[in-house]
């Protein structure tokens, strides 16, 4: 079984956000961190070198050749240069169904990309965060 590379670290979230580039990502990152903390009630934790996560769940992903297993944040984000990456928002059916109401975004395999936080509907974003936060360790969910 492969070792999980992205894990919680002791790196300071505030210091990481203060160094984000371009400069608008600093403000957007702090705003998004506050929104996620308000909606989850959890303290943010750095996962790996670039992801800010809230809570965690245990996953098991079997494939034809091996099983991948580990822990992952219920909801997370990374204020990257080109776009903000949002994790967990489309993992559950209710989140996937609500996602089209978010505003301007694109999708990757496991995340949602937002170029500017001001281009999304904050009320919908908050609902998506609450849906992601509701995740349980039950793989049948």
C-alpha atoms as a PDB file:
ATOM      1  CA  UNK A   1       0.000   0.000   0.000  1.00  0.00           C
ATOM      2  CA  UNK A   2       1.353   3.427  -0.939  1.00  0.00           C
ATOM      3  CA  UNK A   3       2.138   5.877   1.846  1.00  0.00           C
ATOM      4  CA  UNK A   4      -0.052   8.976   2.017  1.00  0.00           C
ATOM      5  CA  UNK A   5       2.032  12.065   1.287  1.00  0.00           C
ATOM      6  CA  UNK A   6      -0.409  14.830   2.233  1.00  0.00           C
ATOM      7  CA  UNK A   7      -0.754  14.883   6.016  1.00  0.00           C
ATOM      8  CA  UNK A   8      -1.398  17.444   8.746  1.00  0.00           C
ATOM      9  CA  UNK A   9       1.652  19.566   9.630  1.00  0.00           C
ATOM     10  CA  UNK A  10       2.589  22.062  12.326  1.00  0.00           C
ATOM     11  CA  UNK A  11       3.070  24.905   9.836  1.00  0.00           C
ATOM     12  CA  UNK A  12       1.163  28.042  10.831  1.00  0.00           C
ATOM     13  CA  UNK A  13      -1.932  28.736   8.716  1.00  0.00           C
ATOM     14  CA  UNK A  14      -1.745  32.522   9.206  1.00  0.00           C
ATOM     15  CA  UNK A  15       1.911  32.661   8.138  1.00  0.00           C
ATOM     16  CA  UNK A  16       1.183  30.521   5.082  1.00  0.00           C
ATOM     17  CA  UNK A  17      -1.738  32.749   4.045  1.00  0.00           C
ATOM     18  CA  UNK A  18       0.252  35.938   4.629  1.00  0.00           C
ATOM     19  CA  UNK A  19       2.816  34.713   2.075  1.00  0.00           C
ATOM     20  CA  UNK A  20       0.257  33.801  -0.633  1.00  0.00           C
ATOM     21  CA  UNK A  21       0.750  35.136  -4.154  1.00  0.00           C
ATOM     22  CA  UNK A  22      -0.515  37.138  -5.912  1.00  0.00           C
ATOM     23  CA  UNK A  23      -1.282  39.654  -3.133  1.00  0.00           C
ATOM     24  CA  UNK A  24      -5.093  39.360  -3.579  1.00  0.00           C
ATOM     25  CA  UNK A  25      -4.784  35.703  -2.478  1.00  0.00           C
ATOM     26  CA  UNK A  26      -3.745  36.910   0.986  1.00  0.00           C
ATOM     27  CA  UNK A  27      -7.088  38.648   1.560  1.00  0.00           C
ATOM     28  CA  UNK A  28      -9.075  35.925  -0.214  1.00  0.00           C
ATOM     29  CA  UNK A  29      -7.277  33.219   1.766  1.00  0.00           C
ATOM     30  CA  UNK A  30      -7.964  34.865   5.114  1.00  0.00           C
ATOM     31  CA  UNK A  31     -11.613  35.456   4.135  1.00  0.00           C
ATOM     32  CA  UNK A  32     -12.074  31.852   3.021  1.00  0.00           C
ATOM     33  CA  UNK A  33     -10.334  30.560   6.163  1.00  0.00           C
ATOM     34  CA  UNK A  34     -12.775  32.585   8.283  1.00  0.00           C
ATOM     35  CA  UNK A  35     -15.795  31.314   6.307  1.00  0.00           C
ATOM     36  CA  UNK A  36     -14.688  27.693   6.618  1.00  0.00           C
ATOM     37  CA  UNK A  37     -13.989  28.058  10.328  1.00  0.00           C
ATOM     38  CA  UNK A  38     -17.397  29.691  10.901  1.00  0.00           C
ATOM     39  CA  UNK A  39     -19.220  26.927   9.025  1.00  0.00           C
ATOM     40  CA  UNK A  40     -17.288  23.971  10.489  1.00  0.00           C
ATOM     41  CA  UNK A  41     -16.466  25.234  13.968  1.00  0.00           C
ATOM     42  CA  UNK A  42     -13.035  23.648  13.499  1.00  0.00           C
ATOM     43  CA  UNK A  43      -9.586  25.176  13.656  1.00  0.00           C
ATOM     44  CA  UNK A  44      -7.690  25.193  10.339  1.00  0.00           C
ATOM     45  CA  UNK A  45      -4.704  22.871   9.934  1.00  0.00           C
ATOM     46  CA  UNK A  46      -2.054  22.867   7.224  1.00  0.00           C
ATOM     47  CA  UNK A  47      -2.117  19.617   5.241  1.00  0.00           C
ATOM     48  CA  UNK A  48       1.118  19.213   3.367  1.00  0.00           C
ATOM     49  CA  UNK A  49       2.835  22.374   2.203  1.00  0.00           C
ATOM     50  CA  UNK A  50      -0.119  24.139   0.527  1.00  0.00           C
ATOM     51  CA  UNK A  51      -3.532  22.922   1.728  1.00  0.00           C
ATOM     52  CA  UNK A  52      -5.576  24.316   4.636  1.00  0.00           C
ATOM     53  CA  UNK A  53      -7.970  21.679   5.949  1.00  0.00           C
ATOM     54  CA  UNK A  54     -10.800  21.397   8.437  1.00  0.00           C
ATOM     55  CA  UNK A  55     -11.596  18.133  10.202  1.00  0.00           C
ATOM     56  CA  UNK A  56     -10.734  14.773   8.675  1.00  0.00           C
ATOM     57  CA  UNK A  57     -12.205  11.467   7.626  1.00  0.00           C
ATOM     58  CA  UNK A  58     -10.705   8.071   6.882  1.00  0.00           C
ATOM     59  CA  UNK A  59     -10.943   6.766   3.327  1.00  0.00           C
ATOM     60  CA  UNK A  60     -10.301   3.424   1.663  1.00  0.00           C
ATOM     61  CA  UNK A  61     -10.065   3.359  -2.135  1.00  0.00           C
ATOM     62  CA  UNK A  62      -9.666  -0.112  -3.600  1.00  0.00           C
ATOM     63  CA  UNK A  63      -8.386  -0.513  -7.146  1.00  0.00           C
ATOM     64  CA  UNK A  64      -7.573  -3.512  -9.336  1.00  0.00           C
ATOM     65  CA  UNK A  65      -3.953  -3.599  -8.177  1.00  0.00           C
ATOM     66  CA  UNK A  66      -3.925  -2.214  -4.617  1.00  0.00           C
ATOM     67  CA  UNK A  67      -5.817  -0.399  -1.914  1.00  0.00           C
ATOM     68  CA  UNK A  68      -5.156   3.222  -1.032  1.00  0.00           C
ATOM     69  CA  UNK A  69      -6.099   4.225   2.480  1.00  0.00           C
ATOM     70  CA  UNK A  70      -5.569   7.289   4.617  1.00  0.00           C
ATOM     71  CA  UNK A  71      -6.992  10.397   6.202  1.00  0.00           C
ATOM     72  CA  UNK A  72      -8.109  13.499   4.339  1.00  0.00           C
ATOM     73  CA  UNK A  73      -9.702  16.814   5.376  1.00  0.00           C
ATOM     74  CA  UNK A  74     -13.488  16.968   5.150  1.00  0.00           C
ATOM     75  CA  UNK A  75     -13.177  20.376   3.505  1.00  0.00           C
ATOM     76  CA  UNK A  76     -10.044  22.261   2.480  1.00  0.00           C
ATOM     77  CA  UNK A  77      -8.612  24.918   0.204  1.00  0.00           C
ATOM     78  CA  UNK A  78      -5.358  26.136  -1.253  1.00  0.00           C
ATOM     79  CA  UNK A  79      -4.879  29.753  -2.372  1.00  0.00           C
ATOM     80  CA  UNK A  80      -2.840  28.989  -5.488  1.00  0.00           C
ATOM     81  CA  UNK A  81      -1.525  31.619  -7.885  1.00  0.00           C
ATOM     82  CA  UNK A  82      -3.866  30.817 -10.794  1.00  0.00           C
ATOM     83  CA  UNK A  83      -6.956  29.935  -8.747  1.00  0.00           C
ATOM     84  CA  UNK A  84      -8.194  28.939  -5.320  1.00  0.00           C
ATOM     85  CA  UNK A  85      -8.529  25.157  -5.118  1.00  0.00           C
ATOM     86  CA  UNK A  86     -11.488  23.997  -3.013  1.00  0.00           C
ATOM     87  CA  UNK A  87     -11.582  20.388  -1.810  1.00  0.00           C
ATOM     88  CA  UNK A  88     -14.539  18.336  -0.598  1.00  0.00           C
ATOM     89  CA  UNK A  89     -17.314  20.497  -2.029  1.00  0.00           C
ATOM     90  CA  UNK A  90     -18.439  18.021  -4.696  1.00  0.00           C
ATOM     91  CA  UNK A  91     -17.621  14.714  -2.979  1.00  0.00           C
ATOM     92  CA  UNK A  92     -21.113  14.069  -1.635  1.00  0.00           C
ATOM     93  CA  UNK A  93     -24.217  13.897  -3.864  1.00  0.00           C
ATOM     94  CA  UNK A  94     -25.866  16.938  -2.237  1.00  0.00           C
ATOM     95  CA  UNK A  95     -22.728  19.019  -2.847  1.00  0.00           C
ATOM     96  CA  UNK A  96     -22.410  17.885  -6.452  1.00  0.00           C
ATOM     97  CA  UNK A  97     -26.070  18.795  -7.048  1.00  0.00           C
ATOM     98  CA  UNK A  98     -25.658  22.280  -5.518  1.00  0.00           C
ATOM     99  CA  UNK A  99     -22.329  23.094  -7.178  1.00  0.00           C
ATOM    100  CA  UNK A 100     -23.823  24.619 -10.382  1.00  0.00           C
ATOM    101  CA  UNK A 101     -25.316  27.398  -8.217  1.00  0.00           C
ATOM    102  CA  UNK A 102     -21.874  28.456  -6.877  1.00  0.00           C
ATOM    103  CA  UNK A 103     -21.011  30.981  -9.574  1.00  0.00           C
ATOM    104  CA  UNK A 104     -17.844  31.135 -11.697  1.00  0.00           C
ATOM    105  CA  UNK A 105     -15.777  27.966 -11.236  1.00  0.00           C
ATOM    106  CA  UNK A 106     -14.126  25.109 -13.077  1.00  0.00           C
ATOM    107  CA  UNK A 107     -13.642  21.532 -11.933  1.00  0.00           C
ATOM    108  CA  UNK A 108     -10.728  19.172 -11.611  1.00  0.00           C
ATOM    109  CA  UNK A 109     -10.878  15.495 -10.720  1.00  0.00           C
ATOM    110  CA  UNK A 110     -11.145  16.112  -6.985  1.00  0.00           C
ATOM    111  CA  UNK A 111     -11.520  19.845  -6.570  1.00  0.00           C
ATOM    112  CA  UNK A 112     -13.245  23.017  -7.646  1.00  0.00           C
ATOM    113  CA  UNK A 113     -11.225  25.994  -8.936  1.00  0.00           C
ATOM    114  CA  UNK A 114     -12.290  29.590  -8.328  1.00  0.00           C
ATOM    115  CA  UNK A 115     -10.303  32.436  -9.906  1.00  0.00           C
ATOM    116  CA  UNK A 116     -11.716  35.109  -7.589  1.00  0.00           C
ATOM    117  CA  UNK A 117     -13.652  34.603  -4.375  1.00  0.00           C
ATOM    118  CA  UNK A 118     -15.886  37.559  -5.288  1.00  0.00           C
ATOM    119  CA  UNK A 119     -17.169  35.593  -8.311  1.00  0.00           C
ATOM    120  CA  UNK A 120     -18.957  32.988  -6.198  1.00  0.00           C
ATOM    121  CA  UNK A 121     -22.189  33.167  -4.237  1.00  0.00           C
ATOM    122  CA  UNK A 122     -21.071  33.161  -0.596  1.00  0.00           C
ATOM    123  CA  UNK A 123     -24.361  31.702   0.663  1.00  0.00           C
ATOM    124  CA  UNK A 124     -24.000  28.751  -1.732  1.00  0.00           C
ATOM    125  CA  UNK A 125     -20.337  28.345  -0.770  1.00  0.00           C
ATOM    126  CA  UNK A 126     -21.326  28.197   2.895  1.00  0.00           C
ATOM    127  CA  UNK A 127     -23.970  25.553   2.136  1.00  0.00           C
ATOM    128  CA  UNK A 128     -21.397  23.500   0.197  1.00  0.00           C
ATOM    129  CA  UNK A 129     -18.992  23.705   3.135  1.00  0.00           C
ATOM    130  CA  UNK A 130     -21.697  22.525   5.553  1.00  0.00           C
ATOM    131  CA  UNK A 131     -22.535  19.614   3.245  1.00  0.00           C
ATOM    132  CA  UNK A 132     -18.862  18.604   3.026  1.00  0.00           C
ATOM    133  CA  UNK A 133     -18.540  18.946   6.808  1.00  0.00           C
ATOM    134  CA  UNK A 134     -21.454  16.520   7.291  1.00  0.00           C
ATOM    135  CA  UNK A 135     -19.358  13.690   5.810  1.00  0.00           C
ATOM    136  CA  UNK A 136     -19.014  10.617   7.984  1.00  0.00           C
ATOM    137  CA  UNK A 137     -16.509   7.772   7.857  1.00  0.00           C
ATOM    138  CA  UNK A 138     -19.299   5.551   6.576  1.00  0.00           C
ATOM    139  CA  UNK A 139     -18.148   4.489   3.071  1.00  0.00           C
ATOM    140  CA  UNK A 140     -21.729   3.619   2.118  1.00  0.00           C
ATOM    141  CA  UNK A 141     -22.755   7.256   2.435  1.00  0.00           C
END
